[in-house]
Protein backbone atom coordinates (compact mmCIF):
# COMPACT_ATOMS: atom_id res chain seq x y z
CA MET A 1 119.53 103.02 92.58
CA LYS A 2 118.31 105.00 89.60
CA PHE A 3 119.08 108.64 88.90
CA GLY A 4 116.72 111.32 87.64
CA ILE A 5 116.60 115.06 87.23
CA SER A 6 113.97 117.46 88.54
CA ILE A 7 113.37 120.55 86.42
CA SER A 8 110.87 123.38 86.65
CA ASN A 9 108.32 124.29 83.98
CA LEU A 10 109.25 127.95 84.06
CA GLY A 11 112.08 130.36 83.35
CA ILE A 12 114.90 128.87 81.29
CA TYR A 13 113.03 125.54 81.13
CA SER A 14 110.09 127.14 79.28
CA ASP A 15 111.86 127.00 75.90
CA PHE A 16 110.66 123.84 74.16
CA ASP A 17 113.68 123.38 71.88
CA GLY A 18 116.05 123.70 74.82
CA LEU A 19 113.91 121.48 77.02
CA ILE A 20 113.75 118.69 74.43
CA ALA A 21 117.52 118.93 73.88
CA LEU A 22 118.10 118.72 77.64
CA ALA A 23 115.91 115.61 77.91
CA GLN A 24 117.79 113.99 75.02
CA ASP A 25 121.11 114.89 76.66
CA ALA A 26 119.91 113.29 79.91
CA GLU A 27 118.85 110.08 78.18
CA GLU A 28 122.10 109.77 76.24
CA ALA A 29 124.18 110.48 79.36
CA GLY A 30 122.54 107.67 81.33
CA TRP A 31 120.04 109.49 83.53
CA ASN A 32 117.03 107.28 84.16
CA GLY A 33 114.26 109.84 84.59
CA ILE A 34 113.17 113.44 84.02
CA PHE A 35 110.47 115.00 86.19
CA PRO A 36 109.12 118.53 85.58
CA TRP A 37 107.19 120.60 88.11
CA ASP A 38 103.46 121.11 87.61
CA HIS A 39 102.67 124.77 88.34
CA VAL A 40 100.27 127.21 86.74
CA LEU A 41 102.08 130.34 87.90
CA HIS A 42 104.42 129.67 90.86
CA LYS A 43 105.60 133.28 91.24
CA PRO A 44 103.60 136.53 90.89
CA ARG A 45 105.86 137.99 88.19
CA ALA A 46 104.46 139.47 84.98
CA ASP A 47 107.63 138.60 83.04
CA LEU A 48 107.89 134.95 84.11
CA ARG A 49 107.60 132.45 81.26
CA VAL A 50 105.69 129.28 82.21
CA ILE A 51 104.79 126.32 80.00
CA ASP A 52 102.22 123.59 80.59
CA PRO A 53 104.08 120.60 82.06
CA TRP A 54 101.84 118.01 80.40
CA ILE A 55 102.52 119.42 76.95
CA ALA A 56 106.20 119.58 77.91
CA LEU A 57 106.07 115.91 78.91
CA ALA A 58 104.43 115.02 75.59
CA ALA A 59 107.23 116.82 73.75
CA ILE A 60 109.84 114.95 75.80
CA ALA A 61 108.08 111.61 75.26
CA ALA A 62 107.96 112.14 71.50
CA ASN A 63 111.67 112.92 71.34
CA THR A 64 113.13 110.26 73.65
CA LYS A 65 112.98 106.46 73.77
CA LYS A 66 113.75 105.07 77.21
CA ILE A 67 113.92 107.75 79.90
CA ILE A 68 111.17 107.57 82.58
CA LEU A 69 109.08 110.73 82.81
CA GLY A 70 106.24 112.28 84.75
CA PRO A 71 105.04 115.35 86.63
CA MET A 72 106.46 115.67 90.12
CA ILE A 73 104.04 116.41 91.40
CA THR A 74 100.65 117.24 89.88
CA PRO A 75 98.20 118.67 92.45
CA LEU A 76 95.09 116.65 91.64
CA ALA A 77 92.88 118.99 93.70
CA ARG A 78 93.06 121.61 90.94
CA ARG A 79 92.52 119.14 88.09
CA ARG A 80 89.43 117.37 86.75
CA PRO A 81 90.27 113.72 87.50
CA TRP A 82 88.59 112.38 84.32
CA LYS A 83 90.70 114.83 82.29
CA VAL A 84 93.82 113.59 84.08
CA ALA A 85 92.73 110.01 83.34
CA ARG A 86 92.59 110.81 79.60
CA GLU A 87 95.83 112.82 79.59
CA SER A 88 97.81 110.28 81.60
CA VAL A 89 96.83 107.27 79.48
CA SER A 90 97.47 109.26 76.31
CA LEU A 91 100.93 110.21 77.56
CA ASP A 92 101.54 106.64 78.71
CA HIS A 93 100.80 105.40 75.18
CA LEU A 94 102.84 108.16 73.54
CA SER A 95 105.85 107.24 75.72
CA LYS A 96 105.21 103.48 75.33
CA GLY A 97 104.73 102.88 79.03
CA ARG A 98 107.34 105.24 80.48
CA LEU A 99 104.99 107.44 82.52
CA VAL A 100 105.07 107.65 86.30
CA LEU A 101 102.35 109.87 87.77
CA GLY A 102 103.48 111.96 90.72
CA VAL A 103 100.57 113.28 92.81
CA GLY A 104 100.09 115.36 95.94
CA LEU A 105 98.39 118.35 97.51
CA GLY A 106 100.58 120.94 95.81
CA SER A 107 102.87 123.42 97.50
CA VAL A 108 102.38 126.87 95.94
CA VAL A 109 98.87 127.38 97.26
CA ASN A 110 98.51 131.14 96.81
CA GLN A 111 99.59 131.16 93.17
CA ASP A 112 98.26 127.80 91.94
CA PHE A 113 94.97 127.77 93.87
CA LYS A 114 93.90 130.93 95.69
CA ARG A 115 94.68 133.35 92.87
CA PHE A 116 92.24 131.50 90.60
CA GLY A 117 89.47 131.03 93.14
CA GLU A 118 90.24 127.37 93.77
CA ALA A 119 89.46 125.90 97.18
CA CYS A 120 92.78 125.80 98.96
CA THR A 121 92.27 124.51 102.51
CA ASN A 122 94.29 121.43 103.32
CA ALA A 123 91.14 119.47 104.21
CA THR A 124 89.45 120.20 100.86
CA ARG A 125 92.57 119.47 98.85
CA ARG A 126 93.10 116.17 100.71
CA THR A 127 89.54 115.03 100.02
CA LYS A 128 89.78 115.99 96.34
CA LEU A 129 93.12 114.21 96.05
CA ASP A 130 91.78 110.97 97.51
CA GLU A 131 88.60 111.07 95.40
CA SER A 132 90.67 111.77 92.29
CA LEU A 133 92.91 108.78 92.98
CA GLN A 134 89.84 106.54 93.24
CA ILE A 135 88.52 107.91 89.96
CA LEU A 136 91.82 107.47 88.12
CA GLN A 137 92.08 103.85 89.19
CA GLY A 138 88.47 103.21 88.21
CA LEU A 139 88.68 104.79 84.76
CA TRP A 140 92.07 103.27 83.93
CA LYS A 141 90.60 99.75 84.17
CA GLY A 142 88.68 100.28 80.95
CA GLU A 143 85.48 98.88 82.45
CA PRO A 144 82.09 100.44 83.25
CA PHE A 145 82.60 102.71 86.25
CA ARG A 146 80.59 105.01 88.47
CA PHE A 147 81.57 107.30 91.31
CA SER A 148 79.78 109.42 93.88
CA GLY A 149 81.84 111.49 96.27
CA LYS A 150 81.79 114.78 98.11
CA HIS A 151 83.38 116.73 95.23
CA TYR A 152 83.05 114.54 92.14
CA SER A 153 80.50 112.22 90.56
CA ILE A 154 80.53 110.04 87.45
CA GLU A 155 77.44 108.42 85.97
CA ASP A 156 77.09 104.65 85.99
CA GLY A 157 78.52 102.83 82.98
CA THR A 158 81.23 105.35 82.13
CA THR A 159 84.03 103.51 80.30
CA PHE A 160 87.42 104.89 79.28
CA LEU A 161 89.57 103.17 76.67
CA PRO A 162 92.37 102.52 75.98
CA ARG A 163 93.79 101.06 79.16
CA PRO A 164 97.35 101.96 80.19
CA TYR A 165 99.96 101.01 77.59
CA ARG A 166 101.20 97.78 79.13
CA ASN A 167 97.63 96.63 79.79
CA ARG A 168 98.13 97.30 83.47
CA GLU A 169 95.24 98.21 85.71
CA ARG A 170 96.96 101.48 86.49
CA ILE A 171 99.89 103.71 85.72
CA PRO A 172 102.51 103.74 88.51
CA ILE A 173 101.77 106.45 91.08
CA TRP A 174 104.29 108.13 93.37
CA VAL A 175 102.73 110.13 96.20
CA GLY A 176 104.42 113.32 97.34
CA GLY A 177 104.77 114.27 100.99
CA GLY A 178 106.83 116.27 103.43
CA LYS A 179 107.45 117.32 107.01
CA TRP A 180 107.99 113.80 108.26
CA PRO A 181 107.27 112.70 110.97
CA TRP A 182 104.79 115.45 111.80
CA ARG A 183 102.60 114.79 108.75
CA LYS A 184 102.25 111.07 108.16
CA GLN A 185 99.05 111.04 106.10
CA PRO A 186 100.82 111.39 102.72
CA PHE A 187 102.89 108.30 103.50
CA HIS A 188 99.84 106.34 104.58
CA ARG A 189 98.32 107.32 101.22
CA ALA A 190 101.52 106.34 99.38
CA ALA A 191 101.35 102.83 100.85
CA LYS A 192 98.43 102.09 98.52
CA PHE A 193 100.47 102.85 95.41
CA GLU A 194 103.90 102.35 93.82
CA GLY A 195 106.13 104.87 95.53
CA THR A 196 106.65 107.96 97.64
CA PHE A 197 108.34 111.20 96.65
CA PRO A 198 108.96 113.28 99.81
CA GLU A 199 110.00 116.92 99.56
CA PHE A 200 113.19 116.52 101.54
CA THR A 201 116.85 117.32 101.03
CA HIS A 202 119.83 117.35 103.37
CA ASN A 203 123.60 117.63 103.00
CA ASN A 204 124.22 114.68 105.32
CA GLY A 205 123.85 111.22 103.80
CA ASP A 206 123.41 109.54 107.19
CA ILE A 207 120.37 111.72 107.91
CA VAL A 208 118.86 111.00 104.49
CA ALA A 209 119.31 107.25 105.02
CA GLU A 210 117.78 107.40 108.52
CA TYR A 211 114.86 109.48 107.26
CA PHE A 212 113.94 106.96 104.57
CA GLU A 213 114.48 104.00 106.88
CA ASN A 214 111.80 105.41 109.18
CA ILE A 215 109.44 106.17 106.30
CA ALA A 216 109.93 102.65 104.93
CA LYS A 217 109.08 101.09 108.30
CA TYR A 218 105.95 103.24 108.52
CA ILE A 219 104.76 102.37 105.01
CA GLU A 220 105.53 98.69 105.53
CA GLN A 221 102.90 98.62 108.29
CA TYR A 222 100.24 99.13 105.60
CA ARG A 223 101.67 96.84 102.91
CA LYS A 224 102.44 93.12 102.91
CA HIS A 225 105.87 93.87 101.42
CA LEU A 226 107.94 96.66 99.87
CA ASP A 227 108.88 94.76 96.70
CA GLY A 228 108.60 97.07 93.71
CA PHE A 229 107.88 100.09 95.88
CA ASP A 230 109.96 103.16 95.02
CA PHE A 231 111.47 105.50 97.59
CA VAL A 232 112.42 108.68 95.74
CA THR A 233 114.49 111.50 97.15
CA LEU A 234 115.31 114.96 95.89
CA GLY A 235 118.84 116.08 96.49
CA LYS A 236 121.93 117.96 95.43
CA ALA A 237 124.88 115.63 94.97
CA PRO A 238 128.28 116.91 96.14
CA GLN A 239 130.57 117.93 93.30
CA ARG A 240 133.85 116.73 94.81
CA LYS A 241 134.58 113.02 94.28
CA ALA A 242 135.60 112.36 97.89
CA LYS A 243 132.51 114.11 99.24
CA LEU A 244 130.34 112.25 96.75
CA LYS A 245 131.47 108.83 97.97
CA GLU A 246 131.14 109.87 101.60
CA TYR A 247 127.64 111.26 101.09
CA PHE A 248 126.22 108.28 99.23
CA ALA A 249 127.85 105.53 101.34
CA PRO A 250 125.11 105.38 104.03
CA ILE A 251 122.37 105.82 101.42
CA LEU A 252 123.63 102.84 99.40
CA LYS A 253 124.18 100.80 102.55
CA SER A 254 120.59 101.32 103.69
CA GLY A 255 119.25 100.05 100.37
CA ARG A 256 115.97 101.90 100.86
CA ILE A 257 116.26 104.70 98.31
CA THR A 258 115.52 103.48 94.79
CA TRP A 259 115.66 106.86 93.01
CA TRP A 260 117.98 109.83 93.49
CA VAL A 261 116.53 112.88 91.73
CA GLU A 262 118.92 115.80 91.28
CA ARG A 263 117.48 119.28 91.82
CA VAL A 264 118.64 120.57 88.46
CA TYR A 265 116.36 123.61 88.82
CA ASN A 266 118.75 124.82 91.54
CA TRP A 267 121.73 124.76 89.19
CA LYS A 268 122.85 128.23 88.18
CA GLY A 269 123.65 129.53 84.74
CA PRO A 270 122.08 129.51 81.25
CA LEU A 271 120.42 126.39 79.88
CA GLU A 272 123.41 125.49 77.69
CA GLN A 273 125.66 125.44 80.75
CA ILE A 274 123.18 123.19 82.58
CA ARG A 275 123.03 120.90 79.55
CA ARG A 276 126.81 120.50 79.70
CA ARG A 277 126.54 119.34 83.31
CA ILE A 278 123.71 116.97 82.41
CA ARG A 279 125.92 115.45 79.70
CA GLU A 280 128.46 114.53 82.40
CA GLY A 281 125.94 111.92 83.56
CA PRO A 282 124.61 110.87 86.98
CA PRO A 283 126.80 110.93 90.11
CA ASP A 284 129.65 108.43 89.80
CA ILE A 285 129.22 106.44 92.99
């Protein structure tokens, strides 16, 4: 199991020098990934500092060497998919193949969509998300491509180069989801890609393991196998050693979860204090 950190793109994480230093601390301390939020506003506060997560990711990529990075998640329904295709491949090349693209509907609908006149119904955002994913895959191939959908169209013969850094057909995609088992569509969508990143956290390791076991069985119905498929969970690891071992025991036993991503944005205190905790490294399990 790999360990990552989830940070926001606002507040104390909006200072570029501090953000770059935090990412370098994480890499040196053995964390495997760093995943910023992708929000335009998030909260209706006039004094809230917010930075663009894609520029933040570029800064992190340019100042690290091995840590995996990517937006978790970017709501494709409020993005132009051809612009995302250019940005993602550019970031993939800048990071030398370390990008993972997290996608989903988005969660802060009023601030990220409605406030700016963006269509924000679930149905519209779902359709835009699925069309965008088709477009990304088509443009990443570096071959003549056309598309005609309900929301987007691309003229015949459109070719985007370069291809992803490792000459893959596509950059790895993790699909966000939540409210399992009542909303299964995101996990059906995730089965077509490289991983799933549900918005779920619980202070009982047995429940987390059971939750992902059920998601894995559901996704496996739509795939021939789960080899190379990532199951990513957000969480808050217990601080006490005894509690830590107890919490992670069923998760490790299940073998389903491939990434544990710590909710660093929930940690309290100034950025320097958070950096000190990051330097302690991932949970010792």
